[in-house]
Full PDB file with SEQRES, HELIX, SHEET, SSBOND, CRYST1, ORIGX, SCALE, CONECT and MASTER records, all heavy atoms in Angstrom:
SEQRES   1 A   34  LEU ASP LEU LYS LYS THR ASN PRO ILE ALA HIS ASN TYR          
SEQRES   2 A   34  MET SER MET ILE SER ILE GLN ASN GLY GLN PHE LYS LYS          
SEQRES   3 A   34  GLY ILE GLU HIS ALA LYS LYS SER                              
HELIX    1 AA1 PRO A    8  GLN A   20  1                                  13    
HELIX    2 AA2 PHE A   24  LYS A   33  1                                  10    
CRYST1    1.000    1.000    1.000  90.00  90.00  90.00 P 1           1          
ORIGX1      1.000000  0.000000  0.000000        0.00000                         
ORIGX2      0.000000  1.000000  0.000000        0.00000                         
ORIGX3      0.000000  0.000000  1.000000        0.00000                         
SCALE1      1.000000  0.000000  0.000000        0.00000                         
SCALE2      0.000000  1.000000  0.000000        0.00000                         
SCALE3      0.000000  0.000000  1.000000        0.00000                         
ATOM      1  N   LEU A   1       0.864  -1.207   0.004  1.00  0.00           N  
ATOM      2  CA  LEU A   1      -0.059  -0.036  -0.042  1.00  0.00           C  
ATOM      3  C   LEU A   1       0.856   1.213  -0.030  1.00  0.00           C  
ATOM      4  O   LEU A   1       0.509   2.231  -0.594  1.00  0.00           O  
ATOM      5  CB  LEU A   1      -0.881   0.009   1.275  1.00  0.00           C  
ATOM      6  CG  LEU A   1      -2.088  -1.038   1.092  1.00  0.00           C  
ATOM      7  CD1 LEU A   1      -2.856  -1.148   2.457  1.00  0.00           C  
ATOM      8  CD2 LEU A   1      -3.027  -0.585  -0.069  1.00  0.00           C  
ATOM      9  N   ASP A   2       2.054   1.185   0.607  1.00  0.00           N  
ATOM     10  CA  ASP A   2       2.993   2.284   0.446  1.00  0.00           C  
ATOM     11  C   ASP A   2       3.365   2.623  -0.931  1.00  0.00           C  
ATOM     12  O   ASP A   2       3.563   3.739  -1.345  1.00  0.00           O  
ATOM     13  CB  ASP A   2       4.240   2.032   1.420  1.00  0.00           C  
ATOM     14  CG  ASP A   2       3.928   2.113   2.834  1.00  0.00           C  
ATOM     15  OD1 ASP A   2       2.949   2.788   3.269  1.00  0.00           O  
ATOM     16  OD2 ASP A   2       4.800   1.557   3.678  1.00  0.00           O  
ATOM     17  N   LEU A   3       3.444   1.440  -1.683  1.00  0.00           N  
ATOM     18  CA  LEU A   3       3.902   1.652  -3.112  1.00  0.00           C  
ATOM     19  C   LEU A   3       2.742   1.956  -4.007  1.00  0.00           C  
ATOM     20  O   LEU A   3       2.898   2.690  -5.058  1.00  0.00           O  
ATOM     21  CB  LEU A   3       4.491   0.259  -3.645  1.00  0.00           C  
ATOM     22  CG  LEU A   3       5.813  -0.116  -2.916  1.00  0.00           C  
ATOM     23  CD1 LEU A   3       6.149  -1.597  -3.148  1.00  0.00           C  
ATOM     24  CD2 LEU A   3       6.988   0.736  -3.494  1.00  0.00           C  
ATOM     25  N   LYS A   4       1.452   1.497  -3.668  1.00  0.00           N  
ATOM     26  CA  LYS A   4       0.327   1.842  -4.523  1.00  0.00           C  
ATOM     27  C   LYS A   4      -0.942   1.740  -3.588  1.00  0.00           C  
ATOM     28  O   LYS A   4      -1.332   0.758  -3.169  1.00  0.00           O  
ATOM     29  CB  LYS A   4       0.189   0.764  -5.678  1.00  0.00           C  
ATOM     30  CG  LYS A   4      -0.916   1.105  -6.626  1.00  0.00           C  
ATOM     31  CD  LYS A   4      -1.108   0.165  -7.766  1.00  0.00           C  
ATOM     32  CE  LYS A   4      -2.235   0.531  -8.701  1.00  0.00           C  
ATOM     33  NZ  LYS A   4      -2.447  -0.422  -9.852  1.00  0.00           N  
ATOM     34  N   LYS A   5      -1.440   2.879  -3.338  1.00  0.00           N  
ATOM     35  CA  LYS A   5      -2.573   3.039  -2.419  1.00  0.00           C  
ATOM     36  C   LYS A   5      -3.849   2.436  -3.126  1.00  0.00           C  
ATOM     37  O   LYS A   5      -4.772   2.004  -2.404  1.00  0.00           O  
ATOM     38  CB  LYS A   5      -2.757   4.394  -2.032  1.00  0.00           C  
ATOM     39  CG  LYS A   5      -1.607   4.945  -1.202  1.00  0.00           C  
ATOM     40  CD  LYS A   5      -1.919   6.284  -0.533  1.00  0.00           C  
ATOM     41  CE  LYS A   5      -0.693   6.854   0.250  1.00  0.00           C  
ATOM     42  NZ  LYS A   5      -0.262   5.830   1.294  1.00  0.00           N  
ATOM     43  N   THR A   6      -4.034   2.610  -4.358  1.00  0.00           N  
ATOM     44  CA  THR A   6      -5.222   2.116  -5.097  1.00  0.00           C  
ATOM     45  C   THR A   6      -5.029   0.617  -5.356  1.00  0.00           C  
ATOM     46  O   THR A   6      -4.893   0.220  -6.666  1.00  0.00           O  
ATOM     47  CB  THR A   6      -5.542   2.890  -6.428  1.00  0.00           C  
ATOM     48  OG1 THR A   6      -4.395   2.816  -7.242  1.00  0.00           O  
ATOM     49  CG2 THR A   6      -5.792   4.350  -6.053  1.00  0.00           C  
ATOM     50  N   ASN A   7      -5.069  -0.155  -4.411  1.00  0.00           N  
ATOM     51  CA  ASN A   7      -4.516  -1.502  -4.503  1.00  0.00           C  
ATOM     52  C   ASN A   7      -5.574  -2.484  -3.866  1.00  0.00           C  
ATOM     53  O   ASN A   7      -5.485  -2.658  -2.651  1.00  0.00           O  
ATOM     54  CB  ASN A   7      -3.186  -1.618  -3.746  1.00  0.00           C  
ATOM     55  CG  ASN A   7      -2.541  -2.976  -3.842  1.00  0.00           C  
ATOM     56  OD1 ASN A   7      -3.133  -3.943  -4.124  1.00  0.00           O  
ATOM     57  ND2 ASN A   7      -1.252  -2.927  -3.424  1.00  0.00           N  
ATOM     58  N   PRO A   8      -6.488  -3.032  -4.767  1.00  0.00           N  
ATOM     59  CA  PRO A   8      -7.618  -3.802  -4.030  1.00  0.00           C  
ATOM     60  C   PRO A   8      -7.074  -5.079  -3.270  1.00  0.00           C  
ATOM     61  O   PRO A   8      -7.776  -5.334  -2.180  1.00  0.00           O  
ATOM     62  CB  PRO A   8      -8.447  -4.207  -5.211  1.00  0.00           C  
ATOM     63  CG  PRO A   8      -7.551  -4.054  -6.463  1.00  0.00           C  
ATOM     64  CD  PRO A   8      -6.606  -2.980  -6.195  1.00  0.00           C  
ATOM     65  N   ILE A   9      -6.124  -5.667  -3.720  1.00  0.00           N  
ATOM     66  CA  ILE A   9      -5.672  -6.926  -3.098  1.00  0.00           C  
ATOM     67  C   ILE A   9      -5.162  -6.723  -1.559  1.00  0.00           C  
ATOM     68  O   ILE A   9      -5.528  -7.257  -0.696  1.00  0.00           O  
ATOM     69  CB  ILE A   9      -4.616  -7.685  -3.818  1.00  0.00           C  
ATOM     70  CG1 ILE A   9      -5.294  -8.221  -5.145  1.00  0.00           C  
ATOM     71  CG2 ILE A   9      -3.996  -8.843  -3.049  1.00  0.00           C  
ATOM     72  CD1 ILE A   9      -4.228  -8.827  -6.161  1.00  0.00           C  
ATOM     73  N   ALA A  10      -4.319  -5.609  -1.493  1.00  0.00           N  
ATOM     74  CA  ALA A  10      -3.745  -5.333  -0.246  1.00  0.00           C  
ATOM     75  C   ALA A  10      -4.743  -4.826   0.719  1.00  0.00           C  
ATOM     76  O   ALA A  10      -4.797  -5.190   1.887  1.00  0.00           O  
ATOM     77  CB  ALA A  10      -2.571  -4.332  -0.429  1.00  0.00           C  
ATOM     78  N   HIS A  11      -5.674  -4.029   0.227  1.00  0.00           N  
ATOM     79  CA  HIS A  11      -6.805  -3.541   1.076  1.00  0.00           C  
ATOM     80  C   HIS A  11      -7.743  -4.613   1.534  1.00  0.00           C  
ATOM     81  O   HIS A  11      -8.197  -4.665   2.643  1.00  0.00           O  
ATOM     82  CB  HIS A  11      -7.617  -2.454   0.306  1.00  0.00           C  
ATOM     83  CG  HIS A  11      -7.095  -1.090   0.306  1.00  0.00           C  
ATOM     84  ND1 HIS A  11      -6.873  -0.360   1.458  1.00  0.00           N  
ATOM     85  CD2 HIS A  11      -6.578  -0.327  -0.756  1.00  0.00           C  
ATOM     86  CE1 HIS A  11      -6.266   0.805   1.256  1.00  0.00           C  
ATOM     87  NE2 HIS A  11      -6.112   0.912  -0.147  1.00  0.00           N  
ATOM     88  N   ASN A  12      -8.026  -5.550   0.584  1.00  0.00           N  
ATOM     89  CA  ASN A  12      -8.815  -6.673   0.938  1.00  0.00           C  
ATOM     90  C   ASN A  12      -8.143  -7.570   2.067  1.00  0.00           C  
ATOM     91  O   ASN A  12      -8.816  -7.923   3.104  1.00  0.00           O  
ATOM     92  CB  ASN A  12      -8.935  -7.706  -0.166  1.00  0.00           C  
ATOM     93  CG  ASN A  12      -9.648  -9.033   0.104  1.00  0.00           C  
ATOM     94  OD1 ASN A  12     -10.709  -9.000   0.628  1.00  0.00           O  
ATOM     95  ND2 ASN A  12      -8.981 -10.113  -0.051  1.00  0.00           N  
ATOM     96  N   TYR A  13      -6.884  -7.857   1.987  1.00  0.00           N  
ATOM     97  CA  TYR A  13      -6.206  -8.605   3.064  1.00  0.00           C  
ATOM     98  C   TYR A  13      -5.951  -7.890   4.358  1.00  0.00           C  
ATOM     99  O   TYR A  13      -6.116  -8.472   5.491  1.00  0.00           O  
ATOM    100  CB  TYR A  13      -5.001  -9.277   2.572  1.00  0.00           C  
ATOM    101  CG  TYR A  13      -5.200 -10.483   1.701  1.00  0.00           C  
ATOM    102  CD1 TYR A  13      -5.376 -10.404   0.285  1.00  0.00           C  
ATOM    103  CD2 TYR A  13      -5.373 -11.715   2.316  1.00  0.00           C  
ATOM    104  CE1 TYR A  13      -5.738 -11.540  -0.436  1.00  0.00           C  
ATOM    105  CE2 TYR A  13      -5.687 -12.831   1.526  1.00  0.00           C  
ATOM    106  CZ  TYR A  13      -5.851 -12.794   0.169  1.00  0.00           C  
ATOM    107  OH  TYR A  13      -6.237 -13.939  -0.623  1.00  0.00           O  
ATOM    108  N   MET A  14      -5.760  -6.622   4.341  1.00  0.00           N  
ATOM    109  CA  MET A  14      -5.681  -5.771   5.475  1.00  0.00           C  
ATOM    110  C   MET A  14      -7.132  -5.748   6.159  1.00  0.00           C  
ATOM    111  O   MET A  14      -7.225  -5.659   7.457  1.00  0.00           O  
ATOM    112  CB  MET A  14      -5.220  -4.383   5.180  1.00  0.00           C  
ATOM    113  CG  MET A  14      -3.773  -4.305   4.785  1.00  0.00           C  
ATOM    114  SD  MET A  14      -2.647  -4.924   6.102  1.00  0.00           S  
ATOM    115  CE  MET A  14      -2.774  -3.617   7.334  1.00  0.00           C  
ATOM    116  N   SER A  15      -8.078  -5.734   5.340  1.00  0.00           N  
ATOM    117  CA  SER A  15      -9.506  -5.889   5.880  1.00  0.00           C  
ATOM    118  C   SER A  15      -9.664  -7.161   6.679  1.00  0.00           C  
ATOM    119  O   SER A  15     -10.169  -7.222   7.757  1.00  0.00           O  
ATOM    120  CB  SER A  15     -10.545  -5.812   4.744  1.00  0.00           C  
ATOM    121  OG  SER A  15     -11.908  -6.040   5.222  1.00  0.00           O  
ATOM    122  N   MET A  16      -9.233  -8.276   6.001  1.00  0.00           N  
ATOM    123  CA  MET A  16      -9.392  -9.605   6.617  1.00  0.00           C  
ATOM    124  C   MET A  16      -8.629  -9.614   7.942  1.00  0.00           C  
ATOM    125  O   MET A  16      -9.142 -10.131   8.996  1.00  0.00           O  
ATOM    126  CB  MET A  16      -8.849 -10.670   5.617  1.00  0.00           C  
ATOM    127  CG  MET A  16      -9.072 -12.080   6.123  1.00  0.00           C  
ATOM    128  SD  MET A  16      -8.269 -13.264   4.884  1.00  0.00           S  
ATOM    129  CE  MET A  16      -9.148 -12.877   3.418  1.00  0.00           C  
ATOM    130  N   ILE A  17      -7.376  -9.227   7.940  1.00  0.00           N  
ATOM    131  CA  ILE A  17      -6.459  -9.159   9.126  1.00  0.00           C  
ATOM    132  C   ILE A  17      -7.102  -8.313  10.187  1.00  0.00           C  
ATOM    133  O   ILE A  17      -7.097  -8.767  11.370  1.00  0.00           O  
ATOM    134  CB  ILE A  17      -5.101  -8.723   8.722  1.00  0.00           C  
ATOM    135  CG1 ILE A  17      -4.443  -9.796   7.789  1.00  0.00           C  
ATOM    136  CG2 ILE A  17      -4.230  -8.619   9.952  1.00  0.00           C  
ATOM    137  CD1 ILE A  17      -3.153  -9.289   7.086  1.00  0.00           C  
ATOM    138  N   SER A  18      -7.598  -7.110   9.844  1.00  0.00           N  
ATOM    139  CA  SER A  18      -8.140  -6.295  10.879  1.00  0.00           C  
ATOM    140  C   SER A  18      -9.323  -6.889  11.508  1.00  0.00           C  
ATOM    141  O   SER A  18      -9.524  -6.860  12.847  1.00  0.00           O  
ATOM    142  CB  SER A  18      -8.547  -4.921  10.210  1.00  0.00           C  
ATOM    143  OG  SER A  18      -7.399  -4.352   9.649  1.00  0.00           O  
ATOM    144  N   ILE A  19     -10.272  -7.387  10.816  1.00  0.00           N  
ATOM    145  CA  ILE A  19     -11.439  -8.117  11.255  1.00  0.00           C  
ATOM    146  C   ILE A  19     -11.085  -9.284  12.153  1.00  0.00           C  
ATOM    147  O   ILE A  19     -11.697  -9.399  13.200  1.00  0.00           O  
ATOM    148  CB  ILE A  19     -12.416  -8.526  10.130  1.00  0.00           C  
ATOM    149  CG1 ILE A  19     -12.931  -7.166   9.493  1.00  0.00           C  
ATOM    150  CG2 ILE A  19     -13.474  -9.379  10.670  1.00  0.00           C  
ATOM    151  CD1 ILE A  19     -13.882  -7.435   8.271  1.00  0.00           C  
ATOM    152  N   GLN A  20     -10.103 -10.103  11.736  1.00  0.00           N  
ATOM    153  CA  GLN A  20      -9.696 -11.263  12.515  1.00  0.00           C  
ATOM    154  C   GLN A  20      -9.138 -10.748  13.938  1.00  0.00           C  
ATOM    155  O   GLN A  20      -9.275 -11.402  14.917  1.00  0.00           O  
ATOM    156  CB  GLN A  20      -8.604 -12.024  11.826  1.00  0.00           C  
ATOM    157  CG  GLN A  20      -9.078 -12.807  10.626  1.00  0.00           C  
ATOM    158  CD  GLN A  20      -8.053 -13.470   9.799  1.00  0.00           C  
ATOM    159  OE1 GLN A  20      -6.889 -13.144   9.946  1.00  0.00           O  
ATOM    160  NE2 GLN A  20      -8.455 -14.348   9.010  1.00  0.00           N  
ATOM    161  N   ASN A  21      -8.665  -9.559  13.914  1.00  0.00           N  
ATOM    162  CA  ASN A  21      -8.000  -9.004  15.166  1.00  0.00           C  
ATOM    163  C   ASN A  21      -9.004  -8.142  15.955  1.00  0.00           C  
ATOM    164  O   ASN A  21      -8.723  -7.543  16.896  1.00  0.00           O  
ATOM    165  CB  ASN A  21      -6.850  -8.107  14.826  1.00  0.00           C  
ATOM    166  CG  ASN A  21      -5.639  -8.881  14.389  1.00  0.00           C  
ATOM    167  OD1 ASN A  21      -5.422 -10.064  14.697  1.00  0.00           O  
ATOM    168  ND2 ASN A  21      -4.825  -8.257  13.548  1.00  0.00           N  
ATOM    169  N   GLY A  22     -10.350  -8.289  15.450  1.00  0.00           N  
ATOM    170  CA  GLY A  22     -11.457  -7.460  16.167  1.00  0.00           C  
ATOM    171  C   GLY A  22     -11.487  -6.003  15.947  1.00  0.00           C  
ATOM    172  O   GLY A  22     -12.244  -5.320  16.491  1.00  0.00           O  
ATOM    173  N   GLN A  23     -10.659  -5.577  14.936  1.00  0.00           N  
ATOM    174  CA  GLN A  23     -10.674  -4.151  14.492  1.00  0.00           C  
ATOM    175  C   GLN A  23     -11.662  -3.941  13.340  1.00  0.00           C  
ATOM    176  O   GLN A  23     -11.353  -3.748  12.206  1.00  0.00           O  
ATOM    177  CB  GLN A  23      -9.270  -3.687  14.105  1.00  0.00           C  
ATOM    178  CG  GLN A  23      -8.248  -3.820  15.242  1.00  0.00           C  
ATOM    179  CD  GLN A  23      -6.793  -3.599  14.703  1.00  0.00           C  
ATOM    180  OE1 GLN A  23      -6.413  -4.177  13.857  1.00  0.00           O  
ATOM    181  NE2 GLN A  23      -6.126  -2.617  15.340  1.00  0.00           N  
ATOM    182  N   PHE A  24     -13.047  -4.044  13.762  1.00  0.00           N  
ATOM    183  CA  PHE A  24     -14.002  -4.069  12.763  1.00  0.00           C  
ATOM    184  C   PHE A  24     -14.170  -2.860  11.884  1.00  0.00           C  
ATOM    185  O   PHE A  24     -14.320  -2.840  10.667  1.00  0.00           O  
ATOM    186  CB  PHE A  24     -15.394  -4.403  13.489  1.00  0.00           C  
ATOM    187  CG  PHE A  24     -15.382  -5.698  14.088  1.00  0.00           C  
ATOM    188  CD1 PHE A  24     -15.681  -5.788  15.433  1.00  0.00           C  
ATOM    189  CD2 PHE A  24     -15.090  -6.911  13.400  1.00  0.00           C  
ATOM    190  CE1 PHE A  24     -15.583  -6.992  16.069  1.00  0.00           C  
ATOM    191  CE2 PHE A  24     -14.996  -8.126  14.082  1.00  0.00           C  
ATOM    192  CZ  PHE A  24     -15.317  -8.208  15.427  1.00  0.00           C  
ATOM    193  N   LYS A  25     -14.016  -1.680  12.641  1.00  0.00           N  
ATOM    194  CA  LYS A  25     -14.121  -0.393  11.807  1.00  0.00           C  
ATOM    195  C   LYS A  25     -13.009  -0.281  10.840  1.00  0.00           C  
ATOM    196  O   LYS A  25     -13.237   0.106   9.630  1.00  0.00           O  
ATOM    197  CB  LYS A  25     -14.115   0.720  12.785  1.00  0.00           C  
ATOM    198  CG  LYS A  25     -14.263   2.136  12.192  1.00  0.00           C  
ATOM    199  CD  LYS A  25     -14.295   3.273  13.242  1.00  0.00           C  
ATOM    200  CE  LYS A  25     -14.481   4.624  12.478  1.00  0.00           C  
ATOM    201  NZ  LYS A  25     -14.514   5.809  13.579  1.00  0.00           N  
ATOM    202  N   LYS A  26     -11.796  -0.531  11.217  1.00  0.00           N  
ATOM    203  CA  LYS A  26     -10.656  -0.499  10.263  1.00  0.00           C  
ATOM    204  C   LYS A  26     -10.851  -1.547   9.117  1.00  0.00           C  
ATOM    205  O   LYS A  26     -10.563  -1.251   8.028  1.00  0.00           O  
ATOM    206  CB  LYS A  26      -9.443  -0.799  11.120  1.00  0.00           C  
ATOM    207  CG  LYS A  26      -8.126  -0.738  10.244  1.00  0.00           C  
ATOM    208  CD  LYS A  26      -6.890  -1.025  11.068  1.00  0.00           C  
ATOM    209  CE  LYS A  26      -5.613  -0.928  10.243  1.00  0.00           C  
ATOM    210  NZ  LYS A  26      -4.444  -1.242  11.055  1.00  0.00           N  
ATOM    211  N   GLY A  27     -11.321  -2.736   9.505  1.00  0.00           N  
ATOM    212  CA  GLY A  27     -11.626  -3.755   8.522  1.00  0.00           C  
ATOM    213  C   GLY A  27     -12.640  -3.326   7.480  1.00  0.00           C  
ATOM    214  O   GLY A  27     -12.489  -3.527   6.262  1.00  0.00           O  
ATOM    215  N   ILE A  28     -13.657  -2.750   7.978  1.00  0.00           N  
ATOM    216  CA  ILE A  28     -14.751  -2.232   7.022  1.00  0.00           C  
ATOM    217  C   ILE A  28     -14.231  -1.181   6.076  1.00  0.00           C  
ATOM    218  O   ILE A  28     -14.586  -1.248   4.947  1.00  0.00           O  
ATOM    219  CB  ILE A  28     -15.874  -1.662   7.787  1.00  0.00           C  
ATOM    220  CG1 ILE A  28     -16.692  -2.810   8.581  1.00  0.00           C  
ATOM    221  CG2 ILE A  28     -16.902  -0.796   6.960  1.00  0.00           C  
ATOM    222  CD1 ILE A  28     -17.778  -2.385   9.639  1.00  0.00           C  
ATOM    223  N   GLU A  29     -13.396  -0.268   6.598  1.00  0.00           N  
ATOM    224  CA  GLU A  29     -12.754   0.798   5.677  1.00  0.00           C  
ATOM    225  C   GLU A  29     -11.933   0.244   4.678  1.00  0.00           C  
ATOM    226  O   GLU A  29     -12.047   0.577   3.545  1.00  0.00           O  
ATOM    227  CB  GLU A  29     -12.024   1.720   6.598  1.00  0.00           C  
ATOM    228  CG  GLU A  29     -12.775   2.627   7.562  1.00  0.00           C  
ATOM    229  CD  GLU A  29     -12.002   3.487   8.438  1.00  0.00           C  
ATOM    230  OE1 GLU A  29     -10.750   3.275   8.523  1.00  0.00           O  
ATOM    231  OE2 GLU A  29     -12.534   4.237   9.278  1.00  0.00           O  
ATOM    232  N   HIS A  30     -11.100  -0.807   5.019  1.00  0.00           N  
ATOM    233  CA  HIS A  30     -10.250  -1.391   3.961  1.00  0.00           C  
ATOM    234  C   HIS A  30     -11.097  -2.085   2.927  1.00  0.00           C  
ATOM    235  O   HIS A  30     -10.787  -2.140   1.771  1.00  0.00           O  
ATOM    236  CB  HIS A  30      -9.153  -2.406   4.681  1.00  0.00           C  
ATOM    237  CG  HIS A  30      -8.012  -1.744   5.206  1.00  0.00           C  
ATOM    238  ND1 HIS A  30      -7.053  -1.085   4.371  1.00  0.00           N  
ATOM    239  CD2 HIS A  30      -7.447  -1.652   6.473  1.00  0.00           C  
ATOM    240  CE1 HIS A  30      -6.118  -0.601   5.124  1.00  0.00           C  
ATOM    241  NE2 HIS A  30      -6.387  -0.861   6.346  1.00  0.00           N  
ATOM    242  N   ALA A  31     -12.038  -2.904   3.456  1.00  0.00           N  
ATOM    243  CA  ALA A  31     -12.926  -3.587   2.434  1.00  0.00           C  
ATOM    244  C   ALA A  31     -13.634  -2.653   1.491  1.00  0.00           C  
ATOM    245  O   ALA A  31     -13.704  -2.925   0.212  1.00  0.00           O  
ATOM    246  CB  ALA A  31     -14.041  -4.409   3.247  1.00  0.00           C  
ATOM    247  N   LYS A  32     -14.138  -1.557   1.995  1.00  0.00           N  
ATOM    248  CA  LYS A  32     -14.868  -0.513   1.099  1.00  0.00           C  
ATOM    249  C   LYS A  32     -13.834  -0.045   0.052  1.00  0.00           C  
ATOM    250  O   LYS A  32     -14.246   0.167  -1.118  1.00  0.00           O  
ATOM    251  CB  LYS A  32     -15.451   0.542   1.960  1.00  0.00           C  
ATOM    252  CG  LYS A  32     -16.683   0.143   2.599  1.00  0.00           C  
ATOM    253  CD  LYS A  32     -17.267   1.280   3.424  1.00  0.00           C  
ATOM    254  CE  LYS A  32     -18.621   0.844   4.127  1.00  0.00           C  
ATOM    255  NZ  LYS A  32     -19.131   2.026   4.951  1.00  0.00           N  
ATOM    256  N   LYS A  33     -12.625   0.225   0.449  1.00  0.00           N  
ATOM    257  CA  LYS A  33     -11.631   0.679  -0.432  1.00  0.00           C  
ATOM    258  C   LYS A  33     -11.267  -0.347  -1.477  1.00  0.00           C  
ATOM    259  O   LYS A  33     -11.102   0.065  -2.649  1.00  0.00           O  
ATOM    260  CB  LYS A  33     -10.333   1.141   0.281  1.00  0.00           C  
ATOM    261  CG  LYS A  33     -10.444   2.459   1.045  1.00  0.00           C  
ATOM    262  CD  LYS A  33      -9.196   2.796   1.805  1.00  0.00           C  
ATOM    263  CE  LYS A  33      -9.322   4.135   2.598  1.00  0.00           C  
ATOM    264  NZ  LYS A  33      -8.128   4.389   3.342  1.00  0.00           N  
ATOM    265  N   SER A  34     -11.134  -1.575  -1.036  1.00  0.00           N  
ATOM    266  CA  SER A  34     -10.907  -2.651  -1.953  1.00  0.00           C  
ATOM    267  C   SER A  34     -12.008  -2.737  -3.042  1.00  0.00           C  
ATOM    268  O   SER A  34     -11.707  -2.810  -4.335  1.00  0.00           O  
ATOM    269  CB  SER A  34     -10.740  -3.988  -1.258  1.00  0.00           C  
ATOM    270  OG  SER A  34     -10.416  -5.023  -2.163  1.00  0.00           O  
TER     271      SER A  34                                                      
MASTER        0    0    0    2    0    0    0    6  270    1    0    3          
END                                                                             
């Protein structure tokens, strides 16, 4: 994401990781961006 912010794959997996860690708001934001 540092290299390319408009990056659906990285946002998707950051969403997954965030939700798995209980960070639902952050996970929702990454999923929407993806």
